[in-house]
Amino acid sequence: MRETITTAVHDAGTVFSVPSISACASPRTLIYEVQCRYCRGIDRLDLELVRSCYHPGAVDHHVSFDGDRDQFIAWLDVELRKAAGSIRASWMA
């Protein structure tokens, strides 16, 4: 019998659990799942979902940012809100 992992998913402030990929899934599949969560979090401005993609001790290096997970989330919050008038943000309204 396969063991399953339950993942917390945040959407519009609601936290719910969904059955996730089997614990037997390949590392490639697990990485893909995290990448999809990250993209969804960025797309929806769901920073808690983005945070869930990082290990608590993670360090992120971007062109204009270096810091830990929580610092990155705070930086993202500011940077993504600056894009409020962009094409990306216009369809979200």
C-alpha atoms as a PDB file:
ATOM      1  CA  MET A   1       0.000   0.000   0.000  1.00  0.00           C
ATOM      2  CA  ARG A   2       1.340   3.426  -0.932  1.00  0.00           C
ATOM      3  CA  GLU A   3       1.777   6.082   1.695  1.00  0.00           C
ATOM      4  CA  THR A   4       0.498   9.514   0.707  1.00  0.00           C
ATOM      5  CA  ILE A   5       1.604  12.923   1.854  1.00  0.00           C
ATOM      6  CA  THR A   6      -0.939  15.608   2.665  1.00  0.00           C
ATOM      7  CA  THR A   7      -0.040  19.114   1.570  1.00  0.00           C
ATOM      8  CA  ALA A   8      -1.502  22.308   2.981  1.00  0.00           C
ATOM      9  CA  VAL A   9      -2.644  24.571   0.167  1.00  0.00           C
ATOM     10  CA  HIS A  10      -3.462  28.221   0.731  1.00  0.00           C
ATOM     11  CA  ASP A  11      -5.945  29.909  -1.568  1.00  0.00           C
ATOM     12  CA  ALA A  12      -7.576  33.270  -0.897  1.00  0.00           C
ATOM     13  CA  GLY A  13      -6.750  33.030   2.791  1.00  0.00           C
ATOM     14  CA  THR A  14      -8.266  29.569   3.196  1.00  0.00           C
ATOM     15  CA  VAL A  15      -6.064  26.682   4.224  1.00  0.00           C
ATOM     16  CA  PHE A  16      -7.117  23.219   3.208  1.00  0.00           C
ATOM     17  CA  SER A  17      -5.427  19.881   2.766  1.00  0.00           C
ATOM     18  CA  VAL A  18      -5.294  17.954  -0.449  1.00  0.00           C
ATOM     19  CA  PRO A  19      -3.958  14.486  -1.064  1.00  0.00           C
ATOM     20  CA  SER A  20      -0.537  14.898  -2.551  1.00  0.00           C
ATOM     21  CA  ILE A  21       1.762  12.823  -4.643  1.00  0.00           C
ATOM     22  CA  SER A  22       2.640   9.401  -3.329  1.00  0.00           C
ATOM     23  CA  ALA A  23       5.641   9.199  -1.036  1.00  0.00           C
ATOM     24  CA  CYS A  24       7.078   6.935  -3.735  1.00  0.00           C
ATOM     25  CA  ALA A  25       7.037   9.736  -6.328  1.00  0.00           C
ATOM     26  CA  SER A  26      10.271  10.548  -8.084  1.00  0.00           C
ATOM     27  CA  PRO A  27      12.323  13.540  -6.945  1.00  0.00           C
ATOM     28  CA  ARG A  28      11.625  15.126 -10.331  1.00  0.00           C
ATOM     29  CA  THR A  29       7.872  14.900  -9.737  1.00  0.00           C
ATOM     30  CA  LEU A  30       8.185  16.305  -6.226  1.00  0.00           C
ATOM     31  CA  ILE A  31      10.280  19.235  -7.483  1.00  0.00           C
ATOM     32  CA  TYR A  32       7.722  19.888 -10.218  1.00  0.00           C
ATOM     33  CA  GLU A  33       4.954  19.990  -7.591  1.00  0.00           C
ATOM     34  CA  VAL A  34       6.883  22.607  -5.586  1.00  0.00           C
ATOM     35  CA  GLN A  35       7.531  24.665  -8.728  1.00  0.00           C
ATOM     36  CA  CYS A  36       3.815  24.645  -9.525  1.00  0.00           C
ATOM     37  CA  ARG A  37       2.958  25.774  -5.982  1.00  0.00           C
ATOM     38  CA  TYR A  38       5.547  28.559  -6.224  1.00  0.00           C
ATOM     39  CA  CYS A  39       4.161  29.796  -9.552  1.00  0.00           C
ATOM     40  CA  ARG A  40       0.596  29.683  -8.266  1.00  0.00           C
ATOM     41  CA  GLY A  41       1.619  31.610  -5.154  1.00  0.00           C
ATOM     42  CA  ILE A  42       3.335  34.308  -7.224  1.00  0.00           C
ATOM     43  CA  ASP A  43       0.430  34.450  -9.663  1.00  0.00           C
ATOM     44  CA  ARG A  44      -2.153  34.797  -6.893  1.00  0.00           C
ATOM     45  CA  LEU A  45       0.000  36.969  -4.617  1.00  0.00           C
ATOM     46  CA  ASP A  46      -0.398  34.187  -2.049  1.00  0.00           C
ATOM     47  CA  LEU A  47       2.832  34.696  -0.167  1.00  0.00           C
ATOM     48  CA  GLU A  48       2.077  31.976   2.365  1.00  0.00           C
ATOM     49  CA  LEU A  49       1.894  29.491  -0.500  1.00  0.00           C
ATOM     50  CA  VAL A  50       5.230  30.804  -1.794  1.00  0.00           C
ATOM     51  CA  ARG A  51       6.674  30.497   1.737  1.00  0.00           C
ATOM     52  CA  SER A  52       5.577  26.845   1.841  1.00  0.00           C
ATOM     53  CA  CYS A  53       7.903  26.135  -1.092  1.00  0.00           C
ATOM     54  CA  TYR A  54      10.986  26.978   0.958  1.00  0.00           C
ATOM     55  CA  HIS A  55      12.697  25.033   3.720  1.00  0.00           C
ATOM     56  CA  PRO A  56      12.728  27.096   6.945  1.00  0.00           C
ATOM     57  CA  GLY A  57      16.505  27.538   6.693  1.00  0.00           C
ATOM     58  CA  ALA A  58      16.513  28.381   2.985  1.00  0.00           C
ATOM     59  CA  VAL A  59      18.492  31.269   1.541  1.00  0.00           C
ATOM     60  CA  ASP A  60      17.415  32.893  -1.713  1.00  0.00           C
ATOM     61  CA  HIS A  61      19.747  34.685  -4.121  1.00  0.00           C
ATOM     62  CA  HIS A  62      18.178  36.876  -6.792  1.00  0.00           C
ATOM     63  CA  VAL A  63      19.817  39.588  -8.871  1.00  0.00           C
ATOM     64  CA  SER A  64      18.592  42.293  -6.494  1.00  0.00           C
ATOM     65  CA  PHE A  65      17.999  40.223  -3.351  1.00  0.00           C
ATOM     66  CA  ASP A  66      19.974  38.004  -0.970  1.00  0.00           C
ATOM     67  CA  GLY A  67      18.459  36.740   2.252  1.00  0.00           C
ATOM     68  CA  ASP A  68      16.536  34.083   4.090  1.00  0.00           C
ATOM     69  CA  ARG A  69      13.057  32.788   3.338  1.00  0.00           C
ATOM     70  CA  ASP A  70      11.166  35.297   5.467  1.00  0.00           C
ATOM     71  CA  GLN A  71      13.191  38.234   4.168  1.00  0.00           C
ATOM     72  CA  PHE A  72      12.512  37.046   0.623  1.00  0.00           C
ATOM     73  CA  ILE A  73       8.766  36.869   1.261  1.00  0.00           C
ATOM     74  CA  ALA A  74       8.799  40.416   2.679  1.00  0.00           C
ATOM     75  CA  TRP A  75      10.808  41.610  -0.346  1.00  0.00           C
ATOM     76  CA  LEU A  76       8.421  39.831  -2.728  1.00  0.00           C
ATOM     77  CA  ASP A  77       5.438  41.481  -1.073  1.00  0.00           C
ATOM     78  CA  VAL A  78       6.864  44.930  -1.814  1.00  0.00           C
ATOM     79  CA  GLU A  79       8.101  44.096  -5.316  1.00  0.00           C
ATOM     80  CA  LEU A  80       4.939  42.344  -6.498  1.00  0.00           C
ATOM     81  CA  ARG A  81       2.726  45.142  -5.233  1.00  0.00           C
ATOM     82  CA  LYS A  82       4.844  47.626  -7.203  1.00  0.00           C
ATOM     83  CA  ALA A  83       3.680  45.739 -10.292  1.00  0.00           C
ATOM     84  CA  ALA A  84       0.040  46.603  -9.553  1.00  0.00           C
ATOM     85  CA  GLY A  85      -0.290  48.465 -12.860  1.00  0.00           C
ATOM     86  CA  SER A  86       1.380  45.791 -14.946  1.00  0.00           C
ATOM     87  CA  ILE A  87      -0.310  43.492 -17.415  1.00  0.00           C
ATOM     88  CA  ARG A  88       0.029  40.647 -14.899  1.00  0.00           C
ATOM     89  CA  ALA A  89      -1.906  42.559 -12.285  1.00  0.00           C
ATOM     90  CA  SER A  90      -4.506  44.031 -14.636  1.00  0.00           C
ATOM     91  CA  TRP A  91      -6.221  40.711 -15.333  1.00  0.00           C
ATOM     92  CA  MET A  92      -6.302  39.882 -11.613  1.00  0.00           C
ATOM     93  CA  ALA A  93      -8.535  42.858 -10.781  1.00  0.00           C
END
